[in-house]
């Protein structure tokens, strides 16, 4: 019975580790997206960028998937008069997602 318990604990540990990596990669993706969005909106103040990064990361925690982030960034673009559509935002999310996953995996 001990080997079954060991395998179960190993699977649980792997699941927790993978979930942690996914969370870290999503937060990193959102950080990259927020920096990109700030550049598009002409925001250059370091404190404003840091606040926006925190807002984008917090927004992504509300719902599963990145759609809530797309809606937030699009609304912010509209408010600043930036003519970038949702599809372009989704494309950036996909690009930053791949980049963030690679970065997190490289860190170990």
N, C-alpha and C. Protein backbone atom coordinates (compact mmCIF):
# COMPACT_ATOMS: atom_id res chain seq x y z
N UNK A 1 0.82 -1.19 0.00
CA UNK A 1 0.00 0.00 0.00
C UNK A 1 0.86 1.26 0.00
N UNK A 2 2.04 1.14 0.53
CA UNK A 2 2.95 2.28 0.62
C UNK A 2 3.32 2.85 -0.75
N UNK A 3 3.55 1.99 -1.73
CA UNK A 3 3.93 2.49 -3.06
C UNK A 3 2.76 3.25 -3.71
N UNK A 4 1.53 2.80 -3.46
CA UNK A 4 0.37 3.52 -3.97
C UNK A 4 0.28 4.90 -3.34
N UNK A 5 0.48 4.96 -2.02
CA UNK A 5 0.46 6.24 -1.32
C UNK A 5 1.57 7.16 -1.81
N UNK A 6 2.74 6.59 -2.07
CA UNK A 6 3.86 7.38 -2.58
C UNK A 6 3.54 7.95 -3.95
N UNK A 7 2.96 7.12 -4.83
CA UNK A 7 2.58 7.61 -6.16
C UNK A 7 1.52 8.69 -6.06
N UNK A 8 0.57 8.51 -5.17
CA UNK A 8 -0.48 9.52 -4.99
C UNK A 8 0.12 10.85 -4.51
N UNK A 9 1.02 10.79 -3.55
CA UNK A 9 1.67 12.01 -3.07
C UNK A 9 2.50 12.66 -4.17
N UNK A 10 3.17 11.85 -4.97
CA UNK A 10 3.98 12.38 -6.07
C UNK A 10 3.09 13.08 -7.10
N UNK A 11 1.96 12.48 -7.42
CA UNK A 11 1.02 13.10 -8.38
C UNK A 11 0.46 14.40 -7.83
N UNK A 12 0.13 14.43 -6.56
CA UNK A 12 -0.38 15.65 -5.94
C UNK A 12 0.69 16.74 -5.95
N UNK A 13 1.92 16.37 -5.67
CA UNK A 13 3.02 17.34 -5.67
C UNK A 13 3.25 17.88 -7.08
N UNK A 14 3.18 17.00 -8.07
CA UNK A 14 3.37 17.42 -9.46
C UNK A 14 2.24 18.37 -9.88
N UNK A 15 1.02 18.05 -9.51
CA UNK A 15 -0.12 18.90 -9.83
C UNK A 15 0.06 20.29 -9.21
N UNK A 16 0.46 20.33 -7.95
CA UNK A 16 0.66 21.61 -7.26
C UNK A 16 1.80 22.39 -7.91
N UNK A 17 2.87 21.70 -8.26
CA UNK A 17 4.00 22.36 -8.92
C UNK A 17 3.59 22.94 -10.26
N UNK A 18 2.87 22.14 -11.07
CA UNK A 18 2.42 22.60 -12.39
C UNK A 18 1.46 23.79 -12.26
N UNK A 19 0.57 23.74 -11.27
CA UNK A 19 -0.36 24.86 -11.05
C UNK A 19 0.41 26.12 -10.67
N UNK A 20 1.43 25.98 -9.87
CA UNK A 20 2.25 27.12 -9.49
C UNK A 20 2.97 27.73 -10.68
N UNK A 21 3.50 26.86 -11.56
CA UNK A 21 4.17 27.35 -12.76
C UNK A 21 3.20 28.06 -13.69
N UNK A 22 1.98 27.50 -13.84
CA UNK A 22 0.96 28.15 -14.68
C UNK A 22 0.61 29.53 -14.14
N UNK A 23 0.42 29.63 -12.83
CA UNK A 23 0.09 30.92 -12.22
C UNK A 23 1.21 31.92 -12.45
N UNK A 24 2.44 31.49 -12.24
CA UNK A 24 3.59 32.36 -12.43
C UNK A 24 3.69 32.84 -13.89
N UNK A 25 3.48 31.91 -14.83
CA UNK A 25 3.56 32.27 -16.25
C UNK A 25 2.44 33.23 -16.63
N UNK A 26 1.24 33.02 -16.11
CA UNK A 26 0.12 33.93 -16.43
C UNK A 26 0.39 35.32 -15.86
N UNK A 27 0.92 35.40 -14.65
CA UNK A 27 1.24 36.70 -14.07
C UNK A 27 2.33 37.39 -14.89
N UNK A 28 3.32 36.63 -15.32
CA UNK A 28 4.40 37.20 -16.13
C UNK A 28 3.86 37.67 -17.48
N UNK A 29 2.98 36.86 -18.08
CA UNK A 29 2.35 37.25 -19.35
C UNK A 29 1.61 38.56 -19.19
N UNK A 30 0.86 38.69 -18.12
CA UNK A 30 0.08 39.90 -17.88
C UNK A 30 0.98 41.10 -17.61
N UNK A 31 2.12 40.87 -16.99
CA UNK A 31 3.09 41.95 -16.77
C UNK A 31 3.61 42.45 -18.11
N UNK A 32 4.00 41.52 -18.98
CA UNK A 32 4.48 41.91 -20.31
C UNK A 32 3.38 42.65 -21.08
N UNK A 33 2.16 42.14 -21.01
CA UNK A 33 1.04 42.77 -21.71
C UNK A 33 0.81 44.19 -21.18
N UNK A 34 0.87 44.35 -19.87
CA UNK A 34 0.65 45.67 -19.27
C UNK A 34 1.72 46.66 -19.71
N UNK A 35 2.96 46.21 -19.77
CA UNK A 35 4.04 47.09 -20.24
C UNK A 35 3.80 47.48 -21.71
N UNK A 36 3.42 46.51 -22.52
CA UNK A 36 3.11 46.79 -23.93
C UNK A 36 1.96 47.78 -24.04
N UNK A 37 0.90 47.55 -23.26
CA UNK A 37 -0.27 48.43 -23.30
C UNK A 37 0.10 49.85 -22.86
N UNK A 38 0.92 49.96 -21.85
CA UNK A 38 1.36 51.29 -21.39
C UNK A 38 2.11 52.00 -22.51
N UNK A 39 2.96 51.28 -23.20
CA UNK A 39 3.71 51.89 -24.32
C UNK A 39 2.74 52.37 -25.40
N UNK A 40 1.71 51.59 -25.68
CA UNK A 40 0.73 51.98 -26.70
C UNK A 40 -0.06 53.21 -26.27
N UNK A 41 -0.29 53.34 -24.97
CA UNK A 41 -1.07 54.47 -24.45
C UNK A 41 -0.20 55.68 -24.13
N UNK A 42 1.11 55.55 -24.30
CA UNK A 42 2.00 56.66 -24.03
C UNK A 42 2.30 56.88 -22.56
N UNK A 43 2.09 55.88 -21.75
CA UNK A 43 2.37 55.97 -20.32
C UNK A 43 3.84 55.63 -20.10
N UNK A 44 4.57 56.55 -19.47
CA UNK A 44 5.99 56.31 -19.26
C UNK A 44 6.42 56.44 -17.79
N UNK A 45 5.54 56.95 -16.95
CA UNK A 45 5.83 57.10 -15.53
C UNK A 45 5.93 55.71 -14.88
N UNK A 46 7.05 55.45 -14.21
CA UNK A 46 7.30 54.13 -13.63
C UNK A 46 6.22 53.72 -12.62
N UNK A 47 5.77 54.66 -11.81
CA UNK A 47 4.73 54.34 -10.82
C UNK A 47 3.41 54.01 -11.52
N UNK A 48 3.08 54.75 -12.55
CA UNK A 48 1.84 54.49 -13.29
C UNK A 48 1.91 53.13 -13.98
N UNK A 49 3.06 52.78 -14.51
CA UNK A 49 3.24 51.47 -15.15
C UNK A 49 3.10 50.37 -14.11
N UNK A 50 3.75 50.53 -12.97
CA UNK A 50 3.66 49.52 -11.91
C UNK A 50 2.22 49.34 -11.44
N UNK A 51 1.49 50.44 -11.30
CA UNK A 51 0.07 50.35 -10.91
C UNK A 51 -0.75 49.64 -11.97
N UNK A 52 -0.46 49.93 -13.24
CA UNK A 52 -1.21 49.29 -14.32
C UNK A 52 -0.91 47.80 -14.39
N UNK A 53 0.34 47.43 -14.17
CA UNK A 53 0.70 46.01 -14.13
C UNK A 53 -0.12 45.31 -13.05
N UNK A 54 -0.20 45.91 -11.87
CA UNK A 54 -0.96 45.32 -10.77
C UNK A 54 -2.45 45.21 -11.12
N UNK A 55 -2.99 46.24 -11.79
CA UNK A 55 -4.40 46.21 -12.20
C UNK A 55 -4.67 45.07 -13.19
N UNK A 56 -3.79 44.91 -14.16
CA UNK A 56 -3.99 43.86 -15.17
C UNK A 56 -3.89 42.48 -14.54
N UNK A 57 -2.91 42.29 -13.67
CA UNK A 57 -2.78 41.00 -12.99
C UNK A 57 -4.01 40.72 -12.13
N UNK A 58 -4.48 41.72 -11.40
CA UNK A 58 -5.68 41.55 -10.56
C UNK A 58 -6.91 41.26 -11.40
N UNK A 59 -7.01 41.89 -12.56
CA UNK A 59 -8.15 41.66 -13.45
C UNK A 59 -8.20 40.21 -13.89
N UNK A 60 -7.03 39.63 -14.17
CA UNK A 60 -6.99 38.25 -14.65
C UNK A 60 -7.41 37.25 -13.59
N UNK A 61 -7.38 37.64 -12.33
CA UNK A 61 -7.77 36.73 -11.25
C UNK A 61 -9.29 36.61 -11.10
N UNK A 62 -10.03 37.48 -11.78
CA UNK A 62 -11.48 37.50 -11.62
C UNK A 62 -12.18 36.34 -12.33
N UNK A 63 -11.69 35.98 -13.50
CA UNK A 63 -12.31 34.92 -14.30
C UNK A 63 -11.23 34.01 -14.87
N UNK A 64 -11.62 32.79 -15.20
CA UNK A 64 -10.68 31.89 -15.86
C UNK A 64 -10.46 32.36 -17.30
N UNK A 65 -9.24 32.25 -17.76
CA UNK A 65 -8.92 32.66 -19.12
C UNK A 65 -8.59 34.13 -19.21
N UNK A 66 -8.01 34.53 -20.32
CA UNK A 66 -7.54 35.91 -20.47
C UNK A 66 -8.59 36.90 -20.99
N UNK A 67 -9.81 36.48 -21.21
CA UNK A 67 -10.80 37.36 -21.83
C UNK A 67 -11.09 38.59 -20.99
N UNK A 68 -11.07 38.46 -19.66
CA UNK A 68 -11.29 39.63 -18.81
C UNK A 68 -10.17 40.65 -18.97
N UNK A 69 -8.97 40.19 -19.25
CA UNK A 69 -7.84 41.09 -19.49
C UNK A 69 -8.02 41.80 -20.83
N UNK A 70 -8.49 41.07 -21.83
CA UNK A 70 -8.74 41.67 -23.15
C UNK A 70 -9.74 42.81 -23.01
N UNK A 71 -10.81 42.56 -22.30
CA UNK A 71 -11.86 43.58 -22.11
C UNK A 71 -11.29 44.80 -21.38
N UNK A 72 -10.50 44.58 -20.34
CA UNK A 72 -9.93 45.70 -19.58
C UNK A 72 -9.00 46.54 -20.44
N UNK A 73 -8.06 45.87 -21.12
CA UNK A 73 -7.08 46.59 -21.92
C UNK A 73 -7.78 47.33 -23.07
N UNK A 74 -8.76 46.70 -23.70
CA UNK A 74 -9.50 47.35 -24.79
C UNK A 74 -10.22 48.59 -24.26
N UNK A 75 -10.85 48.49 -23.10
CA UNK A 75 -11.54 49.65 -22.52
C UNK A 75 -10.54 50.77 -22.20
N UNK A 76 -9.37 50.41 -21.71
CA UNK A 76 -8.35 51.41 -21.42
C UNK A 76 -7.84 52.06 -22.71
N UNK A 77 -7.66 51.25 -23.75
CA UNK A 77 -7.26 51.80 -25.04
C UNK A 77 -8.31 52.77 -25.57
N UNK A 78 -9.57 52.35 -25.49
CA UNK A 78 -10.66 53.22 -25.96
C UNK A 78 -10.67 54.54 -25.20
N UNK A 79 -10.46 54.48 -23.89
CA UNK A 79 -10.47 55.69 -23.06
C UNK A 79 -9.31 56.63 -23.42
N UNK A 80 -8.22 56.08 -23.89
CA UNK A 80 -7.05 56.89 -24.27
C UNK A 80 -7.02 57.19 -25.77
N UNK A 81 -8.02 56.71 -26.51
CA UNK A 81 -8.07 56.97 -27.94
C UNK A 81 -7.09 56.15 -28.75
N UNK A 82 -6.68 54.99 -28.23
CA UNK A 82 -5.76 54.10 -28.93
C UNK A 82 -6.57 53.13 -29.78
N UNK A 83 -6.31 53.15 -31.08
CA UNK A 83 -7.10 52.33 -32.02
C UNK A 83 -6.47 50.96 -32.21
N UNK A 84 -6.52 50.15 -31.17
CA UNK A 84 -6.05 48.76 -31.25
C UNK A 84 -7.22 47.89 -30.83
N UNK A 85 -7.54 46.92 -31.67
CA UNK A 85 -8.70 46.07 -31.43
C UNK A 85 -8.41 44.86 -30.55
N UNK A 86 -9.48 44.17 -30.21
CA UNK A 86 -9.39 43.00 -29.34
C UNK A 86 -8.55 41.89 -29.96
N UNK A 87 -8.63 41.70 -31.27
CA UNK A 87 -7.84 40.65 -31.91
C UNK A 87 -6.35 40.92 -31.78
N UNK A 88 -5.96 42.17 -31.90
CA UNK A 88 -4.55 42.54 -31.74
C UNK A 88 -4.10 42.33 -30.29
N UNK A 89 -4.99 42.60 -29.35
CA UNK A 89 -4.67 42.37 -27.93
C UNK A 89 -4.52 40.87 -27.68
N UNK A 90 -5.42 40.08 -28.23
CA UNK A 90 -5.33 38.62 -28.08
C UNK A 90 -4.03 38.09 -28.70
N UNK A 91 -3.63 38.65 -29.82
CA UNK A 91 -2.38 38.23 -30.47
C UNK A 91 -1.19 38.53 -29.56
N UNK A 92 -1.21 39.69 -28.92
CA UNK A 92 -0.14 40.03 -27.98
C UNK A 92 -0.16 39.10 -26.78
N UNK A 93 -1.35 38.77 -26.30
CA UNK A 93 -1.46 37.83 -25.17
C UNK A 93 -0.85 36.50 -25.56
N UNK A 94 -1.14 36.00 -26.75
CA UNK A 94 -0.58 34.72 -27.20
C UNK A 94 0.94 34.79 -27.27
N UNK A 95 1.45 35.88 -27.80
CA UNK A 95 2.89 36.05 -27.92
C UNK A 95 3.55 36.11 -26.53
N UNK A 96 2.97 36.92 -25.64
CA UNK A 96 3.53 37.06 -24.30
C UNK A 96 3.35 35.78 -23.48
N UNK A 97 2.30 35.01 -23.77
CA UNK A 97 2.07 33.75 -23.07
C UNK A 97 3.22 32.79 -23.38
N UNK A 98 3.56 32.66 -24.65
CA UNK A 98 4.66 31.79 -25.04
C UNK A 98 5.98 32.27 -24.43
N UNK A 99 6.20 33.57 -24.46
CA UNK A 99 7.42 34.15 -23.89
C UNK A 99 7.49 33.89 -22.38
N UNK A 100 6.38 34.12 -21.69
CA UNK A 100 6.36 33.96 -20.23
C UNK A 100 6.58 32.50 -19.84
N UNK A 101 5.95 31.57 -20.57
CA UNK A 101 6.15 30.15 -20.27
C UNK A 101 7.61 29.77 -20.43
N UNK A 102 8.24 30.23 -21.50
CA UNK A 102 9.65 29.94 -21.73
C UNK A 102 10.51 30.52 -20.62
N UNK A 103 10.21 31.73 -20.19
CA UNK A 103 10.98 32.36 -19.12
C UNK A 103 10.84 31.60 -17.81
N UNK A 104 9.61 31.22 -17.47
CA UNK A 104 9.37 30.52 -16.21
C UNK A 104 10.04 29.14 -16.23
N UNK A 105 9.95 28.44 -17.34
CA UNK A 105 10.59 27.13 -17.44
C UNK A 105 12.12 27.25 -17.37
N UNK A 106 12.66 28.31 -17.96
CA UNK A 106 14.11 28.52 -17.93
C UNK A 106 14.61 28.81 -16.50
N UNK A 107 13.75 29.42 -15.71
CA UNK A 107 14.12 29.72 -14.32
C UNK A 107 14.10 28.46 -13.45
N UNK A 108 13.36 27.46 -13.92
CA UNK A 108 13.31 26.20 -13.18
C UNK A 108 12.22 26.21 -12.24
